[in-house]
């Protein structure tokens, strides 16, 4: 992993803050960054500076918390940051036990790099896992479905923080601000643009072929030009 340079993730942190400010009411937290070893950690804290998760309200009462975490590093070929890990957790009050977790670990092996953990139980599923465990096919605790990693699109097509917020509002009934859909749309547009660029960089021939099929003139390396 390349050491993070003196530059900060200001734009990244600013966009996160604008998103949360435009979606969730009365949360009272700010995103901040701090260095740890070779990465920048992005977390939330209260306005008084104390670490905090993001309170979630239903009917005005706080019932749960949203924990958002990112670890960023410098990309080897540019001055931009890349996400090493990200985590969005829905925590129930008062015990703060997770209800659902989304996690992304760029270098993870042995499980999907992007995955959900669902903290729920069902007897039939547990029976299947116990059978697999008894046959030596599975090492994790068969009584805990939350240990399963549900794949969700890999490194480039994983869910964004915007999609997790939509899940909280539409599926879980969390309070939101008027105009929250516009804030989500703005954030999602930035996410799609970034991921599209990264996919094109990683698959240049496929990207060029698609552009040519749409009538664009695309020239290869050494004669770099893309025009309509």
Foldseek 3Di string as FASTA:
>chain_A
DAAQDPDDPVVVQVLVQLLCVQKAPPFQKGWDWDDDGRKIKIFIAGPVRHGDFTFWDAPRDGFWTWGWMWIWHADPVDNDIDTQKIKIFIAGPDVRDTQKMWMAHQPDPPAARTFMFGFDDDDVQLVVLVVCVVVVNDDDDSRTSRVDGHDAQGDLRHDDPLVVSCCCCVVVVTDIDVPSVVSSVVVVVVSVVVSVVVVCVVVVVVVVVVLVVVPWDADDPPPGDIDD
